[in-house]
Amino acid sequence: MCFSATASFSAGAVLLGVGTLTLRSALASSHSLQRRDLPFAAIPLLFAIQQLIEGVIWLTFRFDAPLLNSVMTHVYSFFSHVLWPVYVPAAVLLMEPAGWRRRGLIAFVAAGAALGTYLLYVLVAFPIVSRPTGQHIEYVSPHFFAAVTMTLYLLSTAVSPLLSTHRMVVVFGVLALLSFGAAYAFYATWFISVWCFFAALLSAVVYLHFGVRKLNRSRSNDNGMSAHRSQ
């Protein structure tokens, strides 16, 4: 997260807890044919890892550890630049039944995969540098085709969930769009760090998705048992 090592580690610790609960809830509310939901359920844990990595980056500034800083900066950038535009639409796609929404999500997955491949190349060919600026971390890297890159990133990570048939997945997408706009409007220089933090907090919505589904299934089972008894 962009404000301090303490904030990053705290966010990471909270998300580890949320992520563990989310996976347990997903497993409890899914039968064997619905294990395709697990990649979406893993989002909070992946965000937790990313926040903990940024906490380490903060510490490399304090303790002057340039080699560790370089390694952690590139690992963090792999999450922010490469993983998310591929992972998010793919995780949403896996949960969708056959139909036009699924076909639309396939296009988002293809766009995300193309963008992730391109950004991986940029990450390798032009090493990214992190540096503290005030109470923020700025990630410095070349910006080729910035408008196209930003558009594809937004489409794959925030717009793709809007095609979902699941209400809370759509809510995740809407809130991701709003946080994307807020981070860019107020923290343009530190956009990567700030928006990833907002998105990490929004991963709590992922937990709500599985929690609500588990509750609905429990109610459905209770109603079924009551109907059976009445007969």
C-alpha atoms as a PDB file:
ATOM      1  CA  MET A   1       0.000   0.000   0.000  1.00  0.00           C
ATOM      2  CA  CYS A   2       1.225   3.498  -0.715  1.00  0.00           C
ATOM      3  CA  PHE A   3       1.251   5.065   2.742  1.00  0.00           C
ATOM      4  CA  SER A   4       3.649   3.052   4.954  1.00  0.00           C
ATOM      5  CA  ALA A   5       5.104  -0.362   5.691  1.00  0.00           C
ATOM      6  CA  THR A   6       2.778  -0.670   8.676  1.00  0.00           C
ATOM      7  CA  ALA A   7      -0.253  -0.003   6.512  1.00  0.00           C
ATOM      8  CA  SER A   8       0.846  -2.527   3.904  1.00  0.00           C
ATOM      9  CA  PHE A   9       1.561  -5.264   6.448  1.00  0.00           C
ATOM     10  CA  SER A  10      -1.693  -4.533   8.266  1.00  0.00           C
ATOM     11  CA  ALA A  11      -3.694  -4.717   5.040  1.00  0.00           C
ATOM     12  CA  GLY A  12      -1.873  -7.921   4.117  1.00  0.00           C
ATOM     13  CA  ALA A  13      -2.608  -9.511   7.481  1.00  0.00           C
ATOM     14  CA  VAL A  14      -6.289  -8.600   7.308  1.00  0.00           C
ATOM     15  CA  LEU A  15      -6.554  -9.937   3.778  1.00  0.00           C
ATOM     16  CA  LEU A  16      -4.860 -13.188   4.785  1.00  0.00           C
ATOM     17  CA  GLY A  17      -7.671 -13.674   7.269  1.00  0.00           C
ATOM     18  CA  VAL A  18     -10.338 -12.661   4.770  1.00  0.00           C
ATOM     19  CA  GLY A  19      -8.787 -14.882   2.109  1.00  0.00           C
ATOM     20  CA  THR A  20      -8.698 -17.904   4.391  1.00  0.00           C
ATOM     21  CA  LEU A  21     -12.336 -17.407   5.346  1.00  0.00           C
ATOM     22  CA  THR A  22     -13.280 -16.895   1.698  1.00  0.00           C
ATOM     23  CA  LEU A  23     -11.691 -20.158   0.558  1.00  0.00           C
ATOM     24  CA  ARG A  24     -13.289 -22.055   3.441  1.00  0.00           C
ATOM     25  CA  SER A  25     -16.662 -20.543   2.586  1.00  0.00           C
ATOM     26  CA  ALA A  26     -16.213 -21.356  -1.100  1.00  0.00           C
ATOM     27  CA  LEU A  27     -15.342 -24.966  -0.324  1.00  0.00           C
ATOM     28  CA  ALA A  28     -18.262 -25.278   2.089  1.00  0.00           C
ATOM     29  CA  SER A  29     -20.776 -23.847  -0.376  1.00  0.00           C
ATOM     30  CA  SER A  30     -19.534 -25.665  -3.485  1.00  0.00           C
ATOM     31  CA  HIS A  31     -19.964 -29.249  -4.582  1.00  0.00           C
ATOM     32  CA  SER A  32     -17.313 -30.961  -6.654  1.00  0.00           C
ATOM     33  CA  LEU A  33     -18.634 -29.558  -9.937  1.00  0.00           C
ATOM     34  CA  GLN A  34     -18.355 -25.993  -8.660  1.00  0.00           C
ATOM     35  CA  ARG A  35     -14.669 -26.007  -7.751  1.00  0.00           C
ATOM     36  CA  ARG A  36     -14.251 -23.700 -10.731  1.00  0.00           C
ATOM     37  CA  ASP A  37     -15.209 -20.987  -8.231  1.00  0.00           C
ATOM     38  CA  LEU A  38     -11.961 -21.414  -6.309  1.00  0.00           C
ATOM     39  CA  PRO A  39      -9.792 -19.107  -8.488  1.00  0.00           C
ATOM     40  CA  PHE A  40     -12.203 -16.231  -7.776  1.00  0.00           C
ATOM     41  CA  ALA A  41     -12.230 -17.172  -4.095  1.00  0.00           C
ATOM     42  CA  ALA A  42      -8.419 -16.961  -4.048  1.00  0.00           C
ATOM     43  CA  ILE A  43      -8.378 -13.258  -5.006  1.00  0.00           C
ATOM     44  CA  PRO A  44      -8.162 -11.958  -1.392  1.00  0.00           C
ATOM     45  CA  LEU A  45      -5.199 -14.232  -0.650  1.00  0.00           C
ATOM     46  CA  LEU A  46      -3.387 -13.071  -3.784  1.00  0.00           C
ATOM     47  CA  PHE A  47      -4.008  -9.454  -2.821  1.00  0.00           C
ATOM     48  CA  ALA A  48      -2.694 -10.254   0.667  1.00  0.00           C
ATOM     49  CA  ILE A  49       0.569 -11.532  -0.816  1.00  0.00           C
ATOM     50  CA  GLN A  50       0.851  -8.420  -2.962  1.00  0.00           C
ATOM     51  CA  GLN A  51       0.331  -6.101   0.007  1.00  0.00           C
ATOM     52  CA  LEU A  52       2.914  -7.983   2.091  1.00  0.00           C
ATOM     53  CA  ILE A  53       5.396  -7.691  -0.777  1.00  0.00           C
ATOM     54  CA  GLU A  54       4.896  -3.935  -0.847  1.00  0.00           C
ATOM     55  CA  GLY A  55       5.475  -3.849   2.892  1.00  0.00           C
ATOM     56  CA  VAL A  56       8.867  -5.445   2.260  1.00  0.00           C
ATOM     57  CA  ILE A  57       9.583  -2.837  -0.431  1.00  0.00           C
ATOM     58  CA  TRP A  58       8.978  -0.121   2.157  1.00  0.00           C
ATOM     59  CA  LEU A  59      11.507  -1.778   4.446  1.00  0.00           C
ATOM     60  CA  THR A  60      14.143  -1.907   1.697  1.00  0.00           C
ATOM     61  CA  PHE A  61      14.105   1.883   1.605  1.00  0.00           C
ATOM     62  CA  ARG A  62      14.556   2.141   5.353  1.00  0.00           C
ATOM     63  CA  PHE A  63      17.364  -0.423   5.570  1.00  0.00           C
ATOM     64  CA  ASP A  64      19.052   0.370   2.237  1.00  0.00           C
ATOM     65  CA  ALA A  65      18.693  -3.050   0.588  1.00  0.00           C
ATOM     66  CA  PRO A  66      18.860  -2.341  -3.170  1.00  0.00           C
ATOM     67  CA  LEU A  67      19.033  -5.976  -4.320  1.00  0.00           C
ATOM     68  CA  LEU A  68      16.018  -7.015  -2.258  1.00  0.00           C
ATOM     69  CA  ASN A  69      14.240  -3.869  -3.403  1.00  0.00           C
ATOM     70  CA  SER A  70      14.793  -4.771  -7.050  1.00  0.00           C
ATOM     71  CA  VAL A  71      13.560  -8.340  -6.583  1.00  0.00           C
ATOM     72  CA  MET A  72      10.478  -7.343  -4.593  1.00  0.00           C
ATOM     73  CA  THR A  73       9.673  -4.493  -6.972  1.00  0.00           C
ATOM     74  CA  HIS A  74       9.623  -6.881  -9.910  1.00  0.00           C
ATOM     75  CA  VAL A  75       7.573  -9.481  -8.014  1.00  0.00           C
ATOM     76  CA  TYR A  76       5.091  -6.789  -7.007  1.00  0.00           C
ATOM     77  CA  SER A  77       4.974  -5.508 -10.585  1.00  0.00           C
ATOM     78  CA  PHE A  78       4.288  -9.021 -11.846  1.00  0.00           C
ATOM     79  CA  PHE A  79       1.152  -9.038  -9.700  1.00  0.00           C
ATOM     80  CA  SER A  80       0.040  -5.536 -10.671  1.00  0.00           C
ATOM     81  CA  HIS A  81       0.982  -5.590 -14.369  1.00  0.00           C
ATOM     82  CA  VAL A  82       0.799  -9.216 -15.498  1.00  0.00           C
ATOM     83  CA  LEU A  83      -1.283 -11.333 -13.144  1.00  0.00           C
ATOM     84  CA  TRP A  84      -4.421  -9.273 -12.592  1.00  0.00           C
ATOM     85  CA  PRO A  85      -5.433  -8.491 -16.203  1.00  0.00           C
ATOM     86  CA  VAL A  86      -5.223 -12.217 -16.958  1.00  0.00           C
ATOM     87  CA  TYR A  87      -6.470 -13.662 -13.679  1.00  0.00           C
ATOM     88  CA  VAL A  88      -9.574 -11.568 -13.002  1.00  0.00           C
ATOM     89  CA  PRO A  89     -11.463 -12.179 -16.272  1.00  0.00           C
ATOM     90  CA  ALA A  90     -10.402 -15.846 -16.260  1.00  0.00           C
ATOM     91  CA  ALA A  91     -11.681 -16.327 -12.694  1.00  0.00           C
ATOM     92  CA  VAL A  92     -15.000 -14.685 -13.581  1.00  0.00           C
ATOM     93  CA  LEU A  93     -15.277 -16.751 -16.769  1.00  0.00           C
ATOM     94  CA  LEU A  94     -14.829 -20.030 -14.913  1.00  0.00           C
ATOM     95  CA  MET A  95     -17.905 -19.330 -12.775  1.00  0.00           C
ATOM     96  CA  GLU A  96     -20.201 -18.524 -15.675  1.00  0.00           C
ATOM     97  CA  PRO A  97     -22.628 -20.946 -17.344  1.00  0.00           C
ATOM     98  CA  ALA A  98     -22.857 -21.237 -21.105  1.00  0.00           C
ATOM     99  CA  GLY A  99     -24.379 -18.243 -22.840  1.00  0.00           C
ATOM    100  CA  TRP A 100     -23.595 -14.835 -24.276  1.00  0.00           C
ATOM    101  CA  ARG A 101     -21.977 -13.612 -21.054  1.00  0.00           C
ATOM    102  CA  ARG A 102     -19.476 -16.443 -21.146  1.00  0.00           C
ATOM    103  CA  ARG A 103     -18.693 -15.734 -24.791  1.00  0.00           C
ATOM    104  CA  GLY A 104     -18.148 -12.074 -23.939  1.00  0.00           C
ATOM    105  CA  LEU A 105     -15.832 -12.978 -21.077  1.00  0.00           C
ATOM    106  CA  ILE A 106     -13.721 -15.095 -23.409  1.00  0.00           C
ATOM    107  CA  ALA A 107     -12.966 -11.896 -25.322  1.00  0.00           C
ATOM    108  CA  PHE A 108     -11.951 -10.163 -22.075  1.00  0.00           C
ATOM    109  CA  VAL A 109      -9.674 -13.089 -21.183  1.00  0.00           C
ATOM    110  CA  ALA A 110      -8.022 -12.864 -24.602  1.00  0.00           C
ATOM    111  CA  ALA A 111      -7.519  -9.109 -24.201  1.00  0.00           C
ATOM    112  CA  GLY A 112      -6.124  -9.576 -20.700  1.00  0.00           C
ATOM    113  CA  ALA A 113      -3.763 -12.318 -21.845  1.00  0.00           C
ATOM    114  CA  ALA A 114      -2.468 -10.148 -24.692  1.00  0.00           C
ATOM    115  CA  LEU A 115      -1.968  -7.215 -22.323  1.00  0.00           C
ATOM    116  CA  GLY A 116      -0.297  -9.384 -19.674  1.00  0.00           C
ATOM    117  CA  THR A 117       2.101 -10.800 -22.251  1.00  0.00           C
ATOM    118  CA  TYR A 118       2.996  -7.331 -23.486  1.00  0.00           C
ATOM    119  CA  LEU A 119       3.501  -5.952 -19.966  1.00  0.00           C
ATOM    120  CA  LEU A 120       5.624  -8.972 -19.029  1.00  0.00           C
ATOM    121  CA  TYR A 121       7.867  -8.160 -21.987  1.00  0.00           C
ATOM    122  CA  VAL A 122       8.098  -4.514 -20.873  1.00  0.00           C
ATOM    123  CA  LEU A 123       8.855  -5.628 -17.316  1.00  0.00           C
ATOM    124  CA  VAL A 124      11.739  -7.812 -18.503  1.00  0.00           C
ATOM    125  CA  ALA A 125      13.097  -5.505 -21.202  1.00  0.00           C
ATOM    126  CA  PHE A 126      12.812  -2.282 -19.211  1.00  0.00           C
ATOM    127  CA  PRO A 127      13.281  -3.042 -15.495  1.00  0.00           C
ATOM    128  CA  ILE A 128      10.925  -1.126 -13.245  1.00  0.00           C
ATOM    129  CA  VAL A 129      12.210   0.987 -10.365  1.00  0.00           C
ATOM    130  CA  SER A 130      10.416   1.790  -7.109  1.00  0.00           C
ATOM    131  CA  ARG A 131      11.214   4.871  -5.076  1.00  0.00           C
ATOM    132  CA  PRO A 132       9.686   6.618  -2.073  1.00  0.00           C
ATOM    133  CA  THR A 133       8.186  10.027  -2.769  1.00  0.00           C
ATOM    134  CA  GLY A 134       6.865  11.518   0.433  1.00  0.00           C
ATOM    135  CA  GLN A 135       4.515   8.993   1.994  1.00  0.00           C
ATOM    136  CA  HIS A 136       3.993   7.072  -1.228  1.00  0.00           C
ATOM    137  CA  ILE A 137       5.789   4.591  -3.448  1.00  0.00           C
ATOM    138  CA  GLU A 138       6.234   5.537  -7.078  1.00  0.00           C
ATOM    139  CA  TYR A 139       6.842   2.759  -9.602  1.00  0.00           C
ATOM    140  CA  VAL A 140       8.842   4.136 -12.524  1.00  0.00           C
ATOM    141  CA  SER A 141       8.758   2.344 -15.862  1.00  0.00           C
ATOM    142  CA  PRO A 142       8.396   3.222 -19.558  1.00  0.00           C
ATOM    143  CA  HIS A 143       4.848   3.992 -20.707  1.00  0.00           C
ATOM    144  CA  PHE A 144       4.476   2.808 -24.292  1.00  0.00           C
ATOM    145  CA  PHE A 145       0.978   3.000 -25.785  1.00  0.00           C
ATOM    146  CA  ALA A 146      -0.227   4.239 -22.404  1.00  0.00           C
ATOM    147  CA  ALA A 147      -3.815   4.998 -23.463  1.00  0.00           C
ATOM    148  CA  VAL A 148      -4.332   1.573 -25.054  1.00  0.00           C
ATOM    149  CA  THR A 149      -2.623  -0.201 -22.171  1.00  0.00           C
ATOM    150  CA  MET A 150      -4.702   1.580 -19.541  1.00  0.00           C
ATOM    151  CA  THR A 151      -7.928   0.916 -21.458  1.00  0.00           C
ATOM    152  CA  LEU A 152      -7.248  -2.805 -21.809  1.00  0.00           C
ATOM    153  CA  TYR A 153      -6.203  -3.005 -18.163  1.00  0.00           C
ATOM    154  CA  LEU A 154      -9.426  -1.334 -17.043  1.00  0.00           C
ATOM    155  CA  LEU A 155     -11.547  -3.555 -19.278  1.00  0.00           C
ATOM    156  CA  SER A 156      -9.960  -6.792 -18.122  1.00  0.00           C
ATOM    157  CA  THR A 157      -9.765  -6.084 -14.384  1.00  0.00           C
ATOM    158  CA  ALA A 158     -12.830  -3.919 -13.681  1.00  0.00           C
ATOM    159  CA  VAL A 159     -15.266  -4.164 -16.598  1.00  0.00           C
ATOM    160  CA  SER A 160     -15.157  -7.945 -17.085  1.00  0.00           C
ATOM    161  CA  PRO A 161     -16.862  -8.653 -13.703  1.00  0.00           C
ATOM    162  CA  LEU A 162     -19.830  -6.559 -14.860  1.00  0.00           C
ATOM    163  CA  LEU A 163     -20.777  -9.381 -17.260  1.00  0.00           C
ATOM    164  CA  SER A 164     -21.172 -11.860 -14.418  1.00  0.00           C
ATOM    165  CA  THR A 165     -24.534 -13.385 -13.542  1.00  0.00           C
ATOM    166  CA  HIS A 166     -23.523 -13.186  -9.861  1.00  0.00           C
ATOM    167  CA  ARG A 167     -24.641 -10.020  -8.081  1.00  0.00           C
ATOM    168  CA  MET A 168     -21.648  -9.612  -5.763  1.00  0.00           C
ATOM    169  CA  VAL A 169     -19.210 -10.154  -8.627  1.00  0.00           C
ATOM    170  CA  VAL A 170     -20.894  -7.274 -10.442  1.00  0.00           C
ATOM    171  CA  VAL A 171     -20.631  -5.184  -7.251  1.00  0.00           C
ATOM    172  CA  PHE A 172     -16.907  -5.970  -7.166  1.00  0.00           C
ATOM    173  CA  GLY A 173     -16.577  -4.690 -10.723  1.00  0.00           C
ATOM    174  CA  VAL A 174     -18.533  -1.501 -10.023  1.00  0.00           C
ATOM    175  CA  LEU A 175     -16.486  -0.689  -6.922  1.00  0.00           C
ATOM    176  CA  ALA A 176     -13.264  -1.490  -8.763  1.00  0.00           C
ATOM    177  CA  LEU A 177     -14.241   0.987 -11.482  1.00  0.00           C
ATOM    178  CA  LEU A 178     -15.022   3.683  -8.910  1.00  0.00           C
ATOM    179  CA  SER A 179     -11.762   3.113  -7.030  1.00  0.00           C
ATOM    180  CA  PHE A 180      -9.867   3.111 -10.332  1.00  0.00           C
ATOM    181  CA  GLY A 181     -11.262   6.553 -11.128  1.00  0.00           C
ATOM    182  CA  ALA A 182     -10.632   7.901  -7.626  1.00  0.00           C
ATOM    183  CA  ALA A 183      -7.044   6.632  -7.527  1.00  0.00           C
ATOM    184  CA  TYR A 184      -6.255   8.088 -10.936  1.00  0.00           C
ATOM    185  CA  ALA A 185      -7.906  11.430 -10.147  1.00  0.00           C
ATOM    186  CA  PHE A 186      -6.196  12.014  -6.800  1.00  0.00           C
ATOM    187  CA  TYR A 187      -3.034   9.898  -6.919  1.00  0.00           C
ATOM    188  CA  ALA A 188      -2.014   9.801 -10.598  1.00  0.00           C
ATOM    189  CA  THR A 189       1.735   9.632  -9.859  1.00  0.00           C
ATOM    190  CA  TRP A 190       1.302   6.703  -7.461  1.00  0.00           C
ATOM    191  CA  PHE A 191      -1.639   5.146  -9.301  1.00  0.00           C
ATOM    192  CA  ILE A 192      -0.324   1.561  -9.393  1.00  0.00           C
ATOM    193  CA  SER A 193       0.246   1.384  -5.666  1.00  0.00           C
ATOM    194  CA  VAL A 194      -2.907   3.230  -4.584  1.00  0.00           C
ATOM    195  CA  TRP A 195      -5.367   1.458  -6.866  1.00  0.00           C
ATOM    196  CA  CYS A 196      -3.998  -1.956  -5.958  1.00  0.00           C
ATOM    197  CA  PHE A 197      -4.602  -1.041  -2.312  1.00  0.00           C
ATOM    198  CA  PHE A 198      -8.201  -0.033  -3.004  1.00  0.00           C
ATOM    199  CA  ALA A 199      -8.715  -3.208  -5.025  1.00  0.00           C
ATOM    200  CA  ALA A 200      -7.273  -5.239  -2.159  1.00  0.00           C
ATOM    201  CA  LEU A 201      -9.817  -3.768   0.226  1.00  0.00           C
ATOM    202  CA  LEU A 202     -12.568  -4.498  -2.299  1.00  0.00           C
ATOM    203  CA  SER A 203     -11.633  -8.166  -2.246  1.00  0.00           C
ATOM    204  CA  ALA A 204     -13.774  -8.349   0.884  1.00  0.00           C
ATOM    205  CA  VAL A 205     -16.660  -8.317  -1.612  1.00  0.00           C
ATOM    206  CA  VAL A 206     -15.380 -11.686  -2.828  1.00  0.00           C
ATOM    207  CA  TYR A 207     -15.940 -13.058   0.656  1.00  0.00           C
ATOM    208  CA  LEU A 208     -19.479 -11.659   0.664  1.00  0.00           C
ATOM    209  CA  HIS A 209     -20.181 -13.432  -2.625  1.00  0.00           C
ATOM    210  CA  PHE A 210     -19.457 -16.837  -1.153  1.00  0.00           C
ATOM    211  CA  GLY A 211     -20.934 -15.980   2.238  1.00  0.00           C
ATOM    212  CA  VAL A 212     -24.256 -14.986   0.673  1.00  0.00           C
ATOM    213  CA  ARG A 213     -24.286 -18.095  -1.494  1.00  0.00           C
ATOM    214  CA  LYS A 214     -23.601 -20.302   1.498  1.00  0.00           C
ATOM    215  CA  LEU A 215     -26.426 -18.627   3.421  1.00  0.00           C
ATOM    216  CA  ASN A 216     -28.850 -19.010   0.515  1.00  0.00           C
ATOM    217  CA  ARG A 217     -27.977 -22.674   0.137  1.00  0.00           C
ATOM    218  CA  SER A 218     -28.469 -23.236   3.868  1.00  0.00           C
ATOM    219  CA  ARG A 219     -31.891 -21.590   3.709  1.00  0.00           C
ATOM    220  CA  SER A 220     -32.812 -23.653   0.672  1.00  0.00           C
ATOM    221  CA  ASN A 221     -31.861 -26.866   2.477  1.00  0.00           C
ATOM    222  CA  ASP A 222     -33.834 -25.825   5.545  1.00  0.00           C
ATOM    223  CA  ASN A 223     -36.889 -25.069   3.416  1.00  0.00           C
ATOM    224  CA  GLY A 224     -36.534 -28.404   1.670  1.00  0.00           C
ATOM    225  CA  MET A 225     -36.365 -30.255   4.968  1.00  0.00           C
ATOM    226  CA  SER A 226     -39.406 -28.374   6.271  1.00  0.00           C
ATOM    227  CA  ALA A 227     -41.396 -29.241   3.144  1.00  0.00           C
ATOM    228  CA  HIS A 228     -40.390 -32.876   3.441  1.00  0.00           C
ATOM    229  CA  ARG A 229     -41.489 -33.006   7.081  1.00  0.00           C
ATOM    230  CA  SER A 230     -44.840 -31.406   6.267  1.00  0.00           C
ATOM    231  CA  GLN A 231     -45.535 -34.248   3.877  1.00  0.00           C
END
